[in-house]
N, C-alpha and C. Protein backbone atom coordinates (compact mmCIF):
# COMPACT_ATOMS: atom_id res chain seq x y z
N MET A 1 -18.11 -35.18 -7.46
CA MET A 1 -17.60 -33.83 -7.60
C MET A 1 -18.77 -32.89 -7.93
N LEU A 2 -18.78 -31.75 -7.25
CA LEU A 2 -19.79 -30.72 -7.46
C LEU A 2 -19.29 -29.79 -8.57
N LYS A 3 -19.97 -29.79 -9.71
CA LYS A 3 -19.56 -28.98 -10.86
C LYS A 3 -20.24 -27.61 -10.77
N ILE A 4 -19.41 -26.54 -10.83
CA ILE A 4 -19.94 -25.18 -10.74
C ILE A 4 -19.47 -24.40 -11.97
N THR A 5 -20.43 -23.77 -12.65
CA THR A 5 -20.11 -23.05 -13.89
C THR A 5 -20.38 -21.55 -13.81
N LYS A 6 -20.93 -21.09 -12.66
CA LYS A 6 -21.19 -19.65 -12.55
C LYS A 6 -21.05 -19.18 -11.10
N ILE A 7 -20.81 -17.89 -10.99
CA ILE A 7 -20.70 -17.23 -9.68
C ILE A 7 -22.04 -16.58 -9.39
N SER A 8 -22.56 -16.80 -8.18
CA SER A 8 -23.88 -16.28 -7.83
C SER A 8 -23.85 -14.82 -7.38
N GLY A 9 -22.69 -14.31 -7.03
CA GLY A 9 -22.56 -12.94 -6.57
C GLY A 9 -21.39 -12.82 -5.63
N ASN A 10 -21.26 -11.67 -4.99
CA ASN A 10 -20.16 -11.42 -4.07
C ASN A 10 -20.73 -10.74 -2.82
N ILE A 11 -20.35 -11.25 -1.65
CA ILE A 11 -20.91 -10.71 -0.40
C ILE A 11 -20.48 -9.27 -0.14
N PHE A 12 -19.42 -8.81 -0.80
CA PHE A 12 -18.97 -7.43 -0.60
C PHE A 12 -19.70 -6.45 -1.52
N ASP A 13 -20.42 -6.98 -2.52
CA ASP A 13 -21.14 -6.14 -3.47
C ASP A 13 -22.66 -6.25 -3.34
N ASP A 14 -23.14 -7.27 -2.66
CA ASP A 14 -24.57 -7.57 -2.61
C ASP A 14 -25.01 -7.72 -1.15
N ASP A 15 -25.74 -6.72 -0.65
CA ASP A 15 -26.16 -6.73 0.76
C ASP A 15 -27.05 -7.92 1.09
N GLU A 16 -27.95 -8.30 0.18
CA GLU A 16 -28.83 -9.44 0.42
C GLU A 16 -28.04 -10.74 0.52
N LEU A 17 -27.06 -10.89 -0.35
CA LEU A 17 -26.22 -12.08 -0.31
C LEU A 17 -25.39 -12.11 0.97
N GLN A 18 -24.95 -10.94 1.41
CA GLN A 18 -24.19 -10.82 2.66
C GLN A 18 -25.06 -11.28 3.84
N LYS A 19 -26.30 -10.81 3.88
CA LYS A 19 -27.22 -11.20 4.97
C LYS A 19 -27.49 -12.70 4.94
N ARG A 20 -27.72 -13.22 3.73
CA ARG A 20 -27.98 -14.66 3.59
C ARG A 20 -26.78 -15.47 4.08
N PHE A 21 -25.59 -15.01 3.70
CA PHE A 21 -24.36 -15.68 4.16
C PHE A 21 -24.28 -15.67 5.68
N GLU A 22 -24.51 -14.52 6.31
CA GLU A 22 -24.41 -14.42 7.77
C GLU A 22 -25.38 -15.37 8.47
N ILE A 23 -26.60 -15.46 7.96
CA ILE A 23 -27.60 -16.36 8.55
C ILE A 23 -27.17 -17.81 8.40
N LEU A 24 -26.82 -18.20 7.18
CA LEU A 24 -26.44 -19.60 6.93
C LEU A 24 -25.14 -19.96 7.65
N ASP A 25 -24.23 -19.00 7.74
CA ASP A 25 -22.96 -19.27 8.42
C ASP A 25 -23.18 -19.53 9.91
N LYS A 26 -24.07 -18.77 10.55
CA LYS A 26 -24.40 -18.99 11.96
C LYS A 26 -25.01 -20.37 12.18
N GLN A 27 -25.71 -20.85 11.17
CA GLN A 27 -26.34 -22.17 11.25
C GLN A 27 -25.38 -23.30 10.85
N GLY A 28 -24.16 -22.93 10.49
CA GLY A 28 -23.17 -23.92 10.08
C GLY A 28 -23.43 -24.52 8.71
N LYS A 29 -24.17 -23.79 7.87
CA LYS A 29 -24.55 -24.31 6.56
C LYS A 29 -23.72 -23.74 5.40
N CYS A 30 -22.67 -23.03 5.72
CA CYS A 30 -21.79 -22.47 4.67
C CYS A 30 -20.51 -23.27 4.61
N GLU A 31 -19.97 -23.33 3.41
CA GLU A 31 -18.66 -23.94 3.24
C GLU A 31 -17.73 -22.87 2.69
N ARG A 32 -16.45 -23.06 2.93
CA ARG A 32 -15.46 -22.10 2.46
C ARG A 32 -14.49 -22.78 1.51
N LEU A 33 -14.22 -22.09 0.41
CA LEU A 33 -13.25 -22.58 -0.56
C LEU A 33 -12.07 -21.62 -0.53
N GLN A 34 -10.97 -22.08 0.04
CA GLN A 34 -9.78 -21.24 0.17
C GLN A 34 -8.93 -21.36 -1.09
N VAL A 35 -8.65 -20.22 -1.71
CA VAL A 35 -7.87 -20.21 -2.95
C VAL A 35 -6.79 -19.13 -2.88
N SER A 36 -5.69 -19.40 -3.56
CA SER A 36 -4.61 -18.41 -3.64
C SER A 36 -4.98 -17.35 -4.67
N ARG A 37 -4.27 -16.24 -4.65
CA ARG A 37 -4.50 -15.17 -5.63
C ARG A 37 -4.29 -15.70 -7.05
N GLN A 38 -3.30 -16.57 -7.22
CA GLN A 38 -3.02 -17.13 -8.55
C GLN A 38 -4.17 -18.04 -9.00
N GLU A 39 -4.75 -18.79 -8.08
CA GLU A 39 -5.86 -19.69 -8.43
C GLU A 39 -7.12 -18.91 -8.81
N LEU A 40 -7.26 -17.68 -8.30
CA LEU A 40 -8.43 -16.87 -8.65
C LEU A 40 -8.50 -16.61 -10.15
N GLU A 41 -7.36 -16.63 -10.81
CA GLU A 41 -7.28 -16.33 -12.24
C GLU A 41 -7.70 -17.51 -13.12
N LYS A 42 -7.74 -18.68 -12.56
CA LYS A 42 -8.00 -19.88 -13.35
C LYS A 42 -9.47 -20.02 -13.72
N THR A 43 -9.71 -20.51 -14.93
CA THR A 43 -11.09 -20.77 -15.35
C THR A 43 -11.49 -22.21 -15.09
N ARG A 44 -10.51 -23.04 -14.80
CA ARG A 44 -10.75 -24.44 -14.45
C ARG A 44 -9.94 -24.75 -13.19
N LEU A 45 -10.64 -25.23 -12.18
CA LEU A 45 -9.97 -25.48 -10.91
C LEU A 45 -10.73 -26.57 -10.16
N ARG A 46 -9.99 -27.46 -9.53
CA ARG A 46 -10.60 -28.50 -8.70
C ARG A 46 -9.98 -28.41 -7.32
N LYS A 47 -10.84 -28.22 -6.32
CA LYS A 47 -10.40 -28.08 -4.92
C LYS A 47 -11.48 -28.62 -4.00
N SER A 48 -11.12 -28.76 -2.74
CA SER A 48 -12.09 -29.18 -1.72
C SER A 48 -12.37 -28.02 -0.78
N THR A 49 -13.62 -27.95 -0.31
CA THR A 49 -14.00 -26.93 0.66
C THR A 49 -13.53 -27.34 2.05
N ASP A 50 -13.73 -26.46 3.01
CA ASP A 50 -13.35 -26.75 4.39
C ASP A 50 -14.17 -27.90 4.98
N LYS A 51 -15.30 -28.23 4.36
CA LYS A 51 -16.12 -29.34 4.84
C LYS A 51 -15.97 -30.59 3.96
N GLY A 52 -14.96 -30.56 3.07
CA GLY A 52 -14.64 -31.74 2.29
C GLY A 52 -15.38 -31.93 0.98
N THR A 53 -16.20 -30.97 0.59
CA THR A 53 -16.89 -31.08 -0.70
C THR A 53 -15.89 -30.90 -1.83
N ASP A 54 -15.85 -31.85 -2.74
CA ASP A 54 -14.98 -31.78 -3.92
C ASP A 54 -15.68 -30.90 -4.95
N VAL A 55 -15.02 -29.78 -5.31
CA VAL A 55 -15.63 -28.80 -6.21
C VAL A 55 -14.81 -28.70 -7.49
N GLY A 56 -15.49 -28.72 -8.62
CA GLY A 56 -14.87 -28.50 -9.91
C GLY A 56 -15.42 -27.22 -10.52
N LEU A 57 -14.56 -26.23 -10.70
CA LEU A 57 -14.99 -24.96 -11.29
C LEU A 57 -14.69 -24.98 -12.77
N LEU A 58 -15.70 -24.70 -13.57
CA LEU A 58 -15.56 -24.67 -15.03
C LEU A 58 -16.21 -23.40 -15.55
N PHE A 59 -15.42 -22.33 -15.68
CA PHE A 59 -15.94 -21.04 -16.12
C PHE A 59 -15.57 -20.77 -17.57
N ASN A 60 -16.32 -19.84 -18.20
CA ASN A 60 -15.90 -19.41 -19.53
C ASN A 60 -14.66 -18.52 -19.36
N ASP A 61 -14.03 -18.17 -20.45
CA ASP A 61 -12.74 -17.47 -20.39
C ASP A 61 -12.79 -16.09 -19.73
N SER A 62 -13.95 -15.45 -19.67
CA SER A 62 -14.01 -14.11 -19.11
C SER A 62 -14.36 -14.10 -17.62
N THR A 63 -14.72 -15.23 -17.06
CA THR A 63 -15.11 -15.30 -15.65
C THR A 63 -13.90 -15.57 -14.77
N LYS A 64 -13.71 -14.73 -13.76
CA LYS A 64 -12.62 -14.90 -12.80
C LYS A 64 -13.20 -14.81 -11.39
N LEU A 65 -12.68 -15.62 -10.50
CA LEU A 65 -13.11 -15.59 -9.10
C LEU A 65 -12.55 -14.35 -8.41
N ASN A 66 -13.25 -13.93 -7.36
CA ASN A 66 -12.81 -12.84 -6.49
C ASN A 66 -13.05 -13.23 -5.04
N HIS A 67 -12.27 -12.65 -4.16
CA HIS A 67 -12.47 -12.82 -2.73
C HIS A 67 -13.91 -12.39 -2.40
N GLY A 68 -14.65 -13.27 -1.73
CA GLY A 68 -16.03 -12.95 -1.35
C GLY A 68 -17.08 -13.47 -2.30
N ASP A 69 -16.66 -14.08 -3.42
CA ASP A 69 -17.64 -14.65 -4.34
C ASP A 69 -18.39 -15.80 -3.68
N VAL A 70 -19.63 -15.97 -4.11
CA VAL A 70 -20.47 -17.04 -3.59
C VAL A 70 -20.80 -18.00 -4.74
N LEU A 71 -20.64 -19.28 -4.45
CA LEU A 71 -20.95 -20.34 -5.40
C LEU A 71 -22.10 -21.15 -4.80
N ILE A 72 -23.21 -21.23 -5.52
CA ILE A 72 -24.37 -21.97 -5.03
C ILE A 72 -24.69 -23.07 -6.03
N SER A 73 -24.71 -24.30 -5.53
CA SER A 73 -25.04 -25.44 -6.39
C SER A 73 -25.48 -26.61 -5.52
N GLU A 74 -26.51 -27.30 -5.97
CA GLU A 74 -27.02 -28.48 -5.29
C GLU A 74 -27.23 -28.25 -3.79
N GLY A 75 -27.80 -27.08 -3.45
CA GLY A 75 -28.09 -26.77 -2.06
C GLY A 75 -26.89 -26.36 -1.21
N LYS A 76 -25.75 -26.26 -1.82
CA LYS A 76 -24.53 -25.85 -1.10
C LYS A 76 -24.29 -24.36 -1.31
N PHE A 77 -23.92 -23.68 -0.23
CA PHE A 77 -23.57 -22.26 -0.25
C PHE A 77 -22.08 -22.19 0.06
N ILE A 78 -21.28 -21.86 -0.94
CA ILE A 78 -19.82 -21.89 -0.79
C ILE A 78 -19.27 -20.48 -0.96
N LEU A 79 -18.52 -20.03 0.04
CA LEU A 79 -17.88 -18.72 0.00
C LEU A 79 -16.43 -18.88 -0.42
N VAL A 80 -16.03 -18.11 -1.43
CA VAL A 80 -14.63 -18.11 -1.89
C VAL A 80 -13.85 -17.16 -0.99
N GLU A 81 -12.79 -17.69 -0.37
CA GLU A 81 -11.93 -16.87 0.49
C GLU A 81 -10.50 -16.92 -0.06
N GLN A 82 -9.99 -15.76 -0.38
CA GLN A 82 -8.62 -15.68 -0.84
C GLN A 82 -7.68 -15.89 0.33
N ILE A 83 -6.65 -16.69 0.12
CA ILE A 83 -5.67 -16.99 1.17
C ILE A 83 -4.77 -15.76 1.36
N PRO A 84 -4.60 -15.31 2.60
CA PRO A 84 -3.69 -14.18 2.83
C PRO A 84 -2.27 -14.54 2.38
N GLU A 85 -1.52 -13.52 1.97
CA GLU A 85 -0.15 -13.71 1.52
C GLU A 85 0.73 -12.59 2.07
N LYS A 86 2.03 -12.79 1.97
CA LYS A 86 2.97 -11.78 2.46
C LYS A 86 3.00 -10.60 1.50
N VAL A 87 2.92 -9.40 2.09
CA VAL A 87 3.02 -8.17 1.32
C VAL A 87 3.94 -7.20 2.06
N ILE A 88 4.51 -6.29 1.31
CA ILE A 88 5.19 -5.15 1.92
C ILE A 88 4.20 -4.01 1.90
N SER A 89 4.06 -3.35 3.05
CA SER A 89 3.21 -2.16 3.12
C SER A 89 4.11 -0.95 3.32
N ILE A 90 3.80 0.10 2.60
CA ILE A 90 4.61 1.32 2.66
C ILE A 90 3.69 2.50 2.93
N LYS A 91 4.06 3.29 3.93
CA LYS A 91 3.39 4.56 4.21
C LYS A 91 4.43 5.65 4.14
N ILE A 92 4.03 6.79 3.62
CA ILE A 92 4.92 7.95 3.58
C ILE A 92 4.75 8.71 4.90
N LYS A 93 5.87 9.01 5.53
CA LYS A 93 5.83 9.75 6.79
C LYS A 93 5.33 11.17 6.55
N GLN A 94 4.77 11.75 7.58
CA GLN A 94 4.27 13.13 7.49
C GLN A 94 5.42 14.08 7.17
N ASN A 95 5.06 15.24 6.63
CA ASN A 95 6.02 16.31 6.31
C ASN A 95 7.04 15.90 5.26
N SER A 96 6.63 15.04 4.34
CA SER A 96 7.49 14.64 3.24
C SER A 96 6.90 15.18 1.95
N ASN A 97 7.75 15.36 0.93
CA ASN A 97 7.28 15.79 -0.38
C ASN A 97 6.61 14.59 -1.04
N GLN A 98 5.30 14.47 -0.83
CA GLN A 98 4.58 13.28 -1.26
C GLN A 98 4.61 13.06 -2.76
N THR A 99 4.51 14.11 -3.55
CA THR A 99 4.49 13.93 -5.00
C THR A 99 5.77 13.28 -5.48
N GLU A 100 6.89 13.81 -5.07
CA GLU A 100 8.18 13.26 -5.49
C GLU A 100 8.35 11.82 -5.00
N LEU A 101 8.01 11.57 -3.75
CA LEU A 101 8.14 10.22 -3.20
C LEU A 101 7.24 9.22 -3.91
N LEU A 102 6.02 9.62 -4.20
CA LEU A 102 5.10 8.72 -4.89
C LEU A 102 5.58 8.37 -6.29
N VAL A 103 6.13 9.35 -6.99
CA VAL A 103 6.67 9.09 -8.33
C VAL A 103 7.85 8.13 -8.23
N LEU A 104 8.76 8.37 -7.30
CA LEU A 104 9.91 7.48 -7.14
C LEU A 104 9.49 6.07 -6.73
N LEU A 105 8.56 5.98 -5.79
CA LEU A 105 8.06 4.66 -5.37
C LEU A 105 7.43 3.92 -6.55
N GLY A 106 6.60 4.61 -7.31
CA GLY A 106 5.96 3.99 -8.47
C GLY A 106 6.98 3.51 -9.49
N HIS A 107 8.00 4.31 -9.70
CA HIS A 107 9.03 3.95 -10.66
C HIS A 107 9.80 2.70 -10.19
N ILE A 108 10.20 2.69 -8.94
CA ILE A 108 10.99 1.56 -8.42
C ILE A 108 10.16 0.28 -8.36
N ILE A 109 8.95 0.37 -7.83
CA ILE A 109 8.09 -0.81 -7.75
C ILE A 109 7.72 -1.28 -9.15
N GLY A 110 7.42 -0.35 -10.05
CA GLY A 110 7.06 -0.69 -11.42
C GLY A 110 8.19 -1.40 -12.15
N ASN A 111 9.43 -1.00 -11.88
CA ASN A 111 10.56 -1.67 -12.52
C ASN A 111 10.74 -3.09 -12.03
N ARG A 112 10.14 -3.43 -10.91
CA ARG A 112 10.18 -4.81 -10.39
C ARG A 112 8.96 -5.60 -10.86
N HIS A 113 8.11 -4.97 -11.64
CA HIS A 113 6.91 -5.60 -12.21
C HIS A 113 6.01 -6.22 -11.14
N ARG A 114 5.74 -5.45 -10.09
CA ARG A 114 4.87 -5.92 -9.01
C ARG A 114 3.49 -5.31 -9.17
N PRO A 115 2.46 -6.12 -8.97
CA PRO A 115 1.12 -5.53 -8.89
C PRO A 115 1.04 -4.74 -7.58
N ILE A 116 0.22 -3.73 -7.55
CA ILE A 116 0.08 -2.94 -6.33
C ILE A 116 -1.39 -2.83 -5.92
N ALA A 117 -1.56 -2.48 -4.67
CA ALA A 117 -2.87 -2.12 -4.15
C ALA A 117 -2.66 -0.87 -3.30
N ILE A 118 -3.69 -0.06 -3.20
CA ILE A 118 -3.62 1.13 -2.36
C ILE A 118 -4.78 1.05 -1.38
N ASP A 119 -4.44 1.06 -0.10
CA ASP A 119 -5.44 0.97 0.96
C ASP A 119 -5.27 2.19 1.85
N LYS A 120 -6.18 3.14 1.68
CA LYS A 120 -6.09 4.44 2.35
C LYS A 120 -4.78 5.10 1.94
N GLN A 121 -3.87 5.30 2.85
CA GLN A 121 -2.59 5.95 2.54
C GLN A 121 -1.43 4.95 2.47
N THR A 122 -1.75 3.68 2.25
CA THR A 122 -0.74 2.64 2.25
C THR A 122 -0.63 1.99 0.87
N ILE A 123 0.59 1.82 0.40
CA ILE A 123 0.87 1.12 -0.85
C ILE A 123 1.26 -0.30 -0.48
N LEU A 124 0.68 -1.28 -1.16
CA LEU A 124 0.95 -2.69 -0.86
C LEU A 124 1.37 -3.41 -2.13
N PHE A 125 2.29 -4.37 -1.97
CA PHE A 125 2.62 -5.27 -3.08
C PHE A 125 3.11 -6.58 -2.51
N PRO A 126 2.83 -7.69 -3.23
CA PRO A 126 3.16 -9.02 -2.71
C PRO A 126 4.65 -9.34 -2.80
N ILE A 127 5.08 -10.19 -1.87
CA ILE A 127 6.46 -10.69 -1.86
C ILE A 127 6.42 -12.19 -1.61
N GLN A 128 7.55 -12.83 -1.88
CA GLN A 128 7.65 -14.28 -1.65
C GLN A 128 8.24 -14.59 -0.27
N ALA A 129 9.16 -13.73 0.19
CA ALA A 129 9.86 -14.00 1.45
C ALA A 129 10.13 -12.69 2.19
N ASP A 130 10.23 -12.77 3.52
CA ASP A 130 10.51 -11.60 4.34
C ASP A 130 11.81 -10.90 3.91
N SER A 131 12.75 -11.68 3.39
CA SER A 131 14.05 -11.11 3.00
C SER A 131 13.91 -10.06 1.91
N GLU A 132 12.81 -10.04 1.18
CA GLU A 132 12.61 -9.03 0.14
C GLU A 132 12.48 -7.63 0.74
N LEU A 133 12.13 -7.56 2.02
CA LEU A 133 12.06 -6.25 2.66
C LEU A 133 13.43 -5.57 2.60
N ASP A 134 14.49 -6.33 2.84
CA ASP A 134 15.85 -5.77 2.76
C ASP A 134 16.17 -5.30 1.35
N LEU A 135 15.75 -6.07 0.35
CA LEU A 135 15.98 -5.68 -1.04
C LEU A 135 15.31 -4.34 -1.32
N PHE A 136 14.05 -4.19 -0.92
CA PHE A 136 13.34 -2.95 -1.20
C PHE A 136 13.87 -1.80 -0.36
N LYS A 137 14.33 -2.06 0.85
CA LYS A 137 14.97 -0.99 1.63
C LYS A 137 16.20 -0.48 0.90
N SER A 138 16.92 -1.40 0.28
CA SER A 138 18.10 -1.02 -0.50
C SER A 138 17.68 -0.21 -1.73
N LEU A 139 16.66 -0.68 -2.43
CA LEU A 139 16.19 0.04 -3.62
C LEU A 139 15.66 1.43 -3.28
N PHE A 140 15.07 1.57 -2.09
CA PHE A 140 14.53 2.85 -1.64
C PHE A 140 15.52 3.65 -0.81
N SER A 141 16.80 3.29 -0.84
CA SER A 141 17.80 3.87 0.08
C SER A 141 17.81 5.40 0.08
N GLU A 142 17.60 6.02 -1.06
CA GLU A 142 17.63 7.49 -1.12
C GLU A 142 16.44 8.14 -0.45
N ILE A 143 15.35 7.40 -0.30
CA ILE A 143 14.13 7.98 0.27
C ILE A 143 13.64 7.24 1.51
N ILE A 144 14.41 6.26 1.97
CA ILE A 144 13.96 5.38 3.05
C ILE A 144 13.58 6.13 4.33
N LYS A 145 14.26 7.24 4.60
CA LYS A 145 13.97 7.98 5.83
C LYS A 145 12.57 8.60 5.82
N HIS A 146 11.94 8.66 4.65
CA HIS A 146 10.59 9.22 4.53
C HIS A 146 9.50 8.14 4.52
N LEU A 147 9.92 6.88 4.68
CA LEU A 147 8.97 5.77 4.54
C LEU A 147 8.86 4.95 5.81
N GLU A 148 7.67 4.39 6.01
CA GLU A 148 7.44 3.36 7.02
C GLU A 148 7.15 2.09 6.24
N MET A 149 7.99 1.08 6.40
CA MET A 149 7.83 -0.18 5.65
C MET A 149 7.75 -1.36 6.60
N LYS A 150 6.89 -2.31 6.27
CA LYS A 150 6.84 -3.54 7.05
C LYS A 150 6.25 -4.66 6.21
N VAL A 151 6.50 -5.88 6.66
CA VAL A 151 5.92 -7.06 6.03
C VAL A 151 4.65 -7.42 6.81
N GLU A 152 3.59 -7.68 6.07
CA GLU A 152 2.31 -8.09 6.67
C GLU A 152 1.80 -9.32 5.93
N GLU A 153 0.89 -10.02 6.54
CA GLU A 153 0.20 -11.11 5.87
C GLU A 153 -1.26 -10.70 5.77
N ARG A 154 -1.77 -10.58 4.54
CA ARG A 154 -3.14 -10.15 4.34
C ARG A 154 -3.62 -10.54 2.96
N VAL A 155 -4.93 -10.45 2.77
CA VAL A 155 -5.50 -10.71 1.45
C VAL A 155 -5.07 -9.56 0.55
N PHE A 156 -4.39 -9.89 -0.54
CA PHE A 156 -3.92 -8.88 -1.47
C PHE A 156 -4.81 -8.88 -2.70
N VAL A 157 -5.47 -7.76 -2.94
CA VAL A 157 -6.31 -7.60 -4.13
C VAL A 157 -5.69 -6.48 -4.95
N PRO A 158 -5.09 -6.82 -6.10
CA PRO A 158 -4.45 -5.78 -6.92
C PRO A 158 -5.44 -4.72 -7.36
N ARG A 159 -4.96 -3.51 -7.43
CA ARG A 159 -5.79 -2.42 -7.95
C ARG A 159 -6.12 -2.74 -9.41
N LYS A 160 -7.36 -2.50 -9.80
CA LYS A 160 -7.76 -2.81 -11.18
C LYS A 160 -6.81 -2.12 -12.16
N GLY A 161 -6.36 -2.89 -13.13
CA GLY A 161 -5.42 -2.36 -14.12
C GLY A 161 -3.98 -2.42 -13.66
N MET A 162 -3.75 -2.79 -12.39
CA MET A 162 -2.40 -2.83 -11.85
C MET A 162 -1.96 -4.26 -11.56
N ASP A 163 -2.68 -5.23 -12.06
CA ASP A 163 -2.36 -6.64 -11.79
C ASP A 163 -1.41 -7.16 -12.88
N VAL A 164 -0.24 -6.54 -12.96
CA VAL A 164 0.75 -6.92 -13.96
C VAL A 164 1.32 -8.29 -13.63
N HIS A 165 2.00 -8.86 -14.61
CA HIS A 165 2.66 -10.15 -14.37
C HIS A 165 3.84 -9.93 -13.44
N GLU A 166 4.12 -10.93 -12.61
CA GLU A 166 5.23 -10.82 -11.67
C GLU A 166 6.39 -11.65 -12.16
N HIS A 167 7.59 -11.17 -11.90
CA HIS A 167 8.81 -11.92 -12.26
C HIS A 167 9.27 -12.72 -11.08
């Protein structure tokens, strides 16, 4: 087992690390560690990379993994990739009273204790099943005509401070 106790950086924050990753990846020298959003929170985790390397992560209590983190140990370059998950994406249609709609959306989603992310003009939150779209359409019934809603599968990164516990 390859024991890893620190994160070397993140390819989305470090241009040099990004370049190094691209070069090594073209040469087939990178490994990928696929983890769920829930596993990113763990300080102790044992998993295998896409190339079969058994990895044991042992971090201190303040260290958390993020999508794009790089783990380097014993000559191995391992990229952490968050597994995409189902989310509902919501966009407000043009010519709508955005302030009122945003307050109502925040109130309804907040009452369901969902973490959120905001990507450009889209509000995102994770779901367990496609059927939850019907639940939220019902909850948004008074404002549904002003919204574009759909289920997508994508990497969900909660907005900082908005990663509340889910029920």
